[in-house]
Amino acid sequence: MDLRSISLLADYFVICSGESERQVKAIVDEITKKIKEEGVGPLHIEGDSSSGWVLVDYGDVIVHVFAPAVRGYYQLEKLWSDALVVVRMQ
């Protein structure tokens, strides 16, 4: 989601889901590994796979990895509905 025109919090949100605690952890691990290979580390990581929501803060880009029930509860896409959806994959 492109937040540049509506928020100073970040330029982009990446929002995705894993179907299990193990898959959420694997997604977070792979994202951080691949971005680290490009020489960029996260500024902060909040939450863990057992909580159902892991936030990885890269400054201008914030990655949210959810368990499906937690994603449905918080509905970030609805909360930030004024943001431009850059890519949607299912």
N, C-alpha and C. Protein backbone atom coordinates (compact mmCIF):
# COMPACT_ATOMS: atom_id res chain seq x y z
N MET A 1 0.84 -1.16 0.00
CA MET A 1 0.00 0.00 0.00
C MET A 1 0.89 1.23 0.00
N ASP A 2 0.57 2.16 -0.86
CA ASP A 2 1.31 3.41 -0.96
C ASP A 2 0.66 4.44 -0.04
N LEU A 3 1.36 4.80 1.03
CA LEU A 3 0.83 5.71 2.03
C LEU A 3 1.37 7.13 1.88
N ARG A 4 2.21 7.36 0.90
CA ARG A 4 2.92 8.64 0.81
C ARG A 4 2.01 9.86 0.83
N SER A 5 0.86 9.78 0.23
CA SER A 5 -0.02 10.96 0.16
C SER A 5 -0.93 11.12 1.37
N ILE A 6 -0.94 10.11 2.28
CA ILE A 6 -1.89 10.18 3.39
C ILE A 6 -1.26 10.03 4.77
N SER A 7 0.04 9.74 4.86
CA SER A 7 0.63 9.50 6.17
C SER A 7 2.11 9.85 6.20
N LEU A 8 2.55 10.32 7.34
CA LEU A 8 3.98 10.55 7.56
C LEU A 8 4.62 9.35 8.25
N LEU A 9 3.82 8.39 8.65
CA LEU A 9 4.29 7.21 9.36
C LEU A 9 5.27 6.39 8.54
N ALA A 10 4.93 6.14 7.29
CA ALA A 10 5.76 5.35 6.39
C ALA A 10 5.31 5.66 4.96
N ASP A 11 6.16 5.31 4.01
CA ASP A 11 5.77 5.46 2.60
C ASP A 11 4.94 4.29 2.12
N TYR A 12 5.28 3.09 2.59
CA TYR A 12 4.59 1.88 2.12
C TYR A 12 4.34 0.92 3.27
N PHE A 13 3.22 0.21 3.19
CA PHE A 13 2.93 -0.95 4.01
C PHE A 13 2.93 -2.16 3.08
N VAL A 14 3.57 -3.21 3.52
CA VAL A 14 3.44 -4.52 2.88
C VAL A 14 2.65 -5.36 3.88
N ILE A 15 1.54 -5.92 3.44
CA ILE A 15 0.67 -6.69 4.33
C ILE A 15 0.49 -8.08 3.74
N CYS A 16 0.81 -9.09 4.55
CA CYS A 16 0.65 -10.47 4.07
C CYS A 16 0.27 -11.38 5.23
N SER A 17 -0.10 -12.60 4.89
CA SER A 17 -0.55 -13.57 5.89
C SER A 17 0.16 -14.89 5.71
N GLY A 18 0.35 -15.57 6.82
CA GLY A 18 0.78 -16.96 6.82
C GLY A 18 -0.33 -17.79 7.41
N GLU A 19 -0.46 -19.00 6.97
CA GLU A 19 -1.57 -19.85 7.41
C GLU A 19 -1.34 -20.50 8.78
N SER A 20 -0.11 -20.46 9.28
CA SER A 20 0.20 -21.06 10.57
C SER A 20 1.29 -20.23 11.25
N GLU A 21 1.49 -20.50 12.53
CA GLU A 21 2.55 -19.81 13.27
C GLU A 21 3.90 -20.06 12.61
N ARG A 22 4.13 -21.29 12.20
CA ARG A 22 5.39 -21.65 11.54
C ARG A 22 5.55 -20.89 10.22
N GLN A 23 4.47 -20.76 9.46
CA GLN A 23 4.56 -20.06 8.18
C GLN A 23 4.77 -18.55 8.38
N VAL A 24 4.15 -17.96 9.37
CA VAL A 24 4.38 -16.54 9.67
C VAL A 24 5.85 -16.33 9.99
N LYS A 25 6.42 -17.19 10.83
CA LYS A 25 7.84 -17.08 11.16
C LYS A 25 8.72 -17.25 9.94
N ALA A 26 8.39 -18.21 9.08
CA ALA A 26 9.18 -18.44 7.87
C ALA A 26 9.13 -17.24 6.92
N ILE A 27 7.97 -16.61 6.80
CA ILE A 27 7.84 -15.43 5.95
C ILE A 27 8.70 -14.29 6.48
N VAL A 28 8.61 -14.03 7.78
CA VAL A 28 9.41 -12.97 8.40
C VAL A 28 10.90 -13.27 8.24
N ASP A 29 11.30 -14.50 8.50
CA ASP A 29 12.71 -14.88 8.38
C ASP A 29 13.23 -14.68 6.96
N GLU A 30 12.44 -15.05 5.98
CA GLU A 30 12.87 -14.93 4.59
C GLU A 30 12.93 -13.46 4.14
N ILE A 31 11.95 -12.68 4.54
CA ILE A 31 11.97 -11.25 4.20
C ILE A 31 13.21 -10.59 4.78
N THR A 32 13.46 -10.81 6.07
CA THR A 32 14.61 -10.17 6.70
C THR A 32 15.92 -10.67 6.11
N LYS A 33 15.99 -11.94 5.76
CA LYS A 33 17.20 -12.50 5.15
C LYS A 33 17.47 -11.87 3.79
N LYS A 34 16.47 -11.83 2.94
CA LYS A 34 16.66 -11.30 1.58
C LYS A 34 16.99 -9.81 1.59
N ILE A 35 16.34 -9.05 2.45
CA ILE A 35 16.62 -7.61 2.50
C ILE A 35 18.00 -7.37 3.11
N LYS A 36 18.38 -8.20 4.08
CA LYS A 36 19.72 -8.07 4.66
C LYS A 36 20.80 -8.33 3.62
N GLU A 37 20.53 -9.24 2.68
CA GLU A 37 21.47 -9.52 1.58
C GLU A 37 21.69 -8.28 0.72
N GLU A 38 20.74 -7.36 0.74
CA GLU A 38 20.86 -6.10 0.01
C GLU A 38 21.51 -5.02 0.88
N GLY A 39 21.92 -5.40 2.07
CA GLY A 39 22.62 -4.46 2.95
C GLY A 39 21.71 -3.62 3.82
N VAL A 40 20.46 -4.02 3.97
CA VAL A 40 19.51 -3.24 4.77
C VAL A 40 18.97 -4.13 5.89
N GLY A 41 19.08 -3.63 7.09
CA GLY A 41 18.52 -4.34 8.23
C GLY A 41 17.31 -3.61 8.76
N PRO A 42 16.44 -4.32 9.46
CA PRO A 42 15.26 -3.65 10.03
C PRO A 42 15.65 -2.70 11.14
N LEU A 43 14.90 -1.61 11.26
CA LEU A 43 15.08 -0.69 12.37
C LEU A 43 14.53 -1.30 13.65
N HIS A 44 13.46 -2.08 13.49
CA HIS A 44 12.80 -2.68 14.65
C HIS A 44 11.91 -3.82 14.18
N ILE A 45 11.81 -4.84 15.00
CA ILE A 45 10.85 -5.92 14.77
C ILE A 45 9.99 -6.01 16.02
N GLU A 46 8.68 -5.98 15.82
CA GLU A 46 7.72 -6.01 16.92
C GLU A 46 6.83 -7.24 16.78
N GLY A 47 6.60 -7.94 17.88
CA GLY A 47 5.75 -9.12 17.86
C GLY A 47 6.52 -10.36 17.48
N ASP A 48 5.83 -11.47 17.51
CA ASP A 48 6.43 -12.72 17.06
C ASP A 48 5.32 -13.60 16.48
N SER A 49 5.73 -14.70 15.90
CA SER A 49 4.76 -15.52 15.18
C SER A 49 3.66 -16.06 16.10
N SER A 50 3.96 -16.27 17.38
CA SER A 50 2.94 -16.78 18.30
C SER A 50 1.86 -15.75 18.61
N SER A 51 2.15 -14.47 18.40
CA SER A 51 1.15 -13.42 18.65
C SER A 51 0.20 -13.25 17.47
N GLY A 52 0.57 -13.77 16.30
CA GLY A 52 -0.28 -13.65 15.13
C GLY A 52 -0.03 -12.39 14.31
N TRP A 53 0.93 -11.57 14.74
CA TRP A 53 1.24 -10.34 14.00
C TRP A 53 2.70 -9.98 14.24
N VAL A 54 3.46 -9.93 13.19
CA VAL A 54 4.85 -9.49 13.27
C VAL A 54 4.99 -8.26 12.38
N LEU A 55 5.52 -7.19 12.97
CA LEU A 55 5.76 -5.95 12.24
C LEU A 55 7.26 -5.80 12.08
N VAL A 56 7.71 -5.61 10.84
CA VAL A 56 9.13 -5.40 10.55
C VAL A 56 9.25 -3.99 9.96
N ASP A 57 9.94 -3.13 10.70
CA ASP A 57 10.04 -1.72 10.34
C ASP A 57 11.36 -1.44 9.63
N TYR A 58 11.25 -1.04 8.38
CA TYR A 58 12.42 -0.64 7.59
C TYR A 58 12.43 0.87 7.36
N GLY A 59 11.74 1.61 8.18
CA GLY A 59 11.68 3.07 8.04
C GLY A 59 10.57 3.48 7.08
N ASP A 60 10.92 3.65 5.83
CA ASP A 60 9.92 4.05 4.84
C ASP A 60 8.98 2.93 4.44
N VAL A 61 9.37 1.69 4.72
CA VAL A 61 8.55 0.52 4.41
C VAL A 61 8.34 -0.27 5.69
N ILE A 62 7.08 -0.56 5.99
CA ILE A 62 6.74 -1.37 7.15
C ILE A 62 6.03 -2.62 6.65
N VAL A 63 6.57 -3.77 7.07
CA VAL A 63 6.02 -5.06 6.66
C VAL A 63 5.20 -5.62 7.81
N HIS A 64 3.95 -6.00 7.51
CA HIS A 64 3.06 -6.63 8.49
C HIS A 64 2.82 -8.06 8.03
N VAL A 65 3.14 -9.02 8.88
CA VAL A 65 2.87 -10.43 8.57
C VAL A 65 1.90 -10.94 9.64
N PHE A 66 0.74 -11.37 9.18
CA PHE A 66 -0.36 -11.74 10.06
C PHE A 66 -0.71 -13.22 9.97
N ALA A 67 -1.29 -13.73 11.04
CA ALA A 67 -2.10 -14.94 10.99
C ALA A 67 -3.46 -14.48 10.46
N PRO A 68 -4.18 -15.33 9.73
CA PRO A 68 -5.44 -14.89 9.11
C PRO A 68 -6.46 -14.28 10.09
N ALA A 69 -6.65 -14.87 11.25
CA ALA A 69 -7.65 -14.34 12.20
C ALA A 69 -7.25 -12.95 12.70
N VAL A 70 -5.98 -12.74 12.94
CA VAL A 70 -5.51 -11.44 13.44
C VAL A 70 -5.61 -10.40 12.33
N ARG A 71 -5.29 -10.80 11.11
CA ARG A 71 -5.43 -9.87 9.98
C ARG A 71 -6.89 -9.46 9.81
N GLY A 72 -7.78 -10.41 9.93
CA GLY A 72 -9.21 -10.10 9.83
C GLY A 72 -9.70 -9.21 10.96
N TYR A 73 -9.15 -9.38 12.13
CA TYR A 73 -9.56 -8.57 13.28
C TYR A 73 -9.12 -7.11 13.11
N TYR A 74 -7.86 -6.89 12.73
CA TYR A 74 -7.35 -5.52 12.65
C TYR A 74 -7.68 -4.82 11.33
N GLN A 75 -7.87 -5.55 10.27
CA GLN A 75 -8.30 -5.00 8.98
C GLN A 75 -7.54 -3.74 8.57
N LEU A 76 -6.21 -3.85 8.51
CA LEU A 76 -5.39 -2.69 8.14
C LEU A 76 -5.75 -2.14 6.76
N GLU A 77 -6.10 -3.02 5.85
CA GLU A 77 -6.48 -2.54 4.52
C GLU A 77 -7.69 -1.62 4.58
N LYS A 78 -8.62 -1.93 5.47
CA LYS A 78 -9.81 -1.09 5.63
C LYS A 78 -9.45 0.20 6.38
N LEU A 79 -8.62 0.07 7.41
CA LEU A 79 -8.20 1.24 8.18
C LEU A 79 -7.46 2.25 7.30
N TRP A 80 -6.64 1.76 6.39
CA TRP A 80 -5.86 2.61 5.49
C TRP A 80 -6.46 2.58 4.07
N SER A 81 -7.76 2.56 3.97
CA SER A 81 -8.43 2.40 2.67
C SER A 81 -8.18 3.56 1.70
N ASP A 82 -7.72 4.70 2.20
CA ASP A 82 -7.40 5.82 1.31
C ASP A 82 -6.06 5.63 0.60
N ALA A 83 -5.29 4.64 1.03
CA ALA A 83 -3.98 4.38 0.42
C ALA A 83 -4.18 3.67 -0.92
N LEU A 84 -3.27 3.93 -1.82
CA LEU A 84 -3.27 3.27 -3.13
C LEU A 84 -2.71 1.87 -2.98
N VAL A 85 -3.44 0.87 -3.43
CA VAL A 85 -2.94 -0.50 -3.42
C VAL A 85 -2.02 -0.64 -4.63
N VAL A 86 -0.76 -0.95 -4.37
CA VAL A 86 0.23 -1.05 -5.43
C VAL A 86 0.15 -2.42 -6.10
N VAL A 87 0.12 -3.47 -5.29
CA VAL A 87 0.02 -4.85 -5.79
C VAL A 87 -0.87 -5.63 -4.83
N ARG A 88 -1.76 -6.43 -5.39
CA ARG A 88 -2.58 -7.33 -4.57
C ARG A 88 -2.43 -8.74 -5.14
N MET A 89 -2.01 -9.64 -4.29
CA MET A 89 -1.83 -11.03 -4.70
C MET A 89 -2.65 -11.92 -3.78
N GLN A 90 -3.20 -13.00 -4.34
CA GLN A 90 -3.95 -13.94 -3.51
C GLN A 90 -3.54 -15.34 -3.82
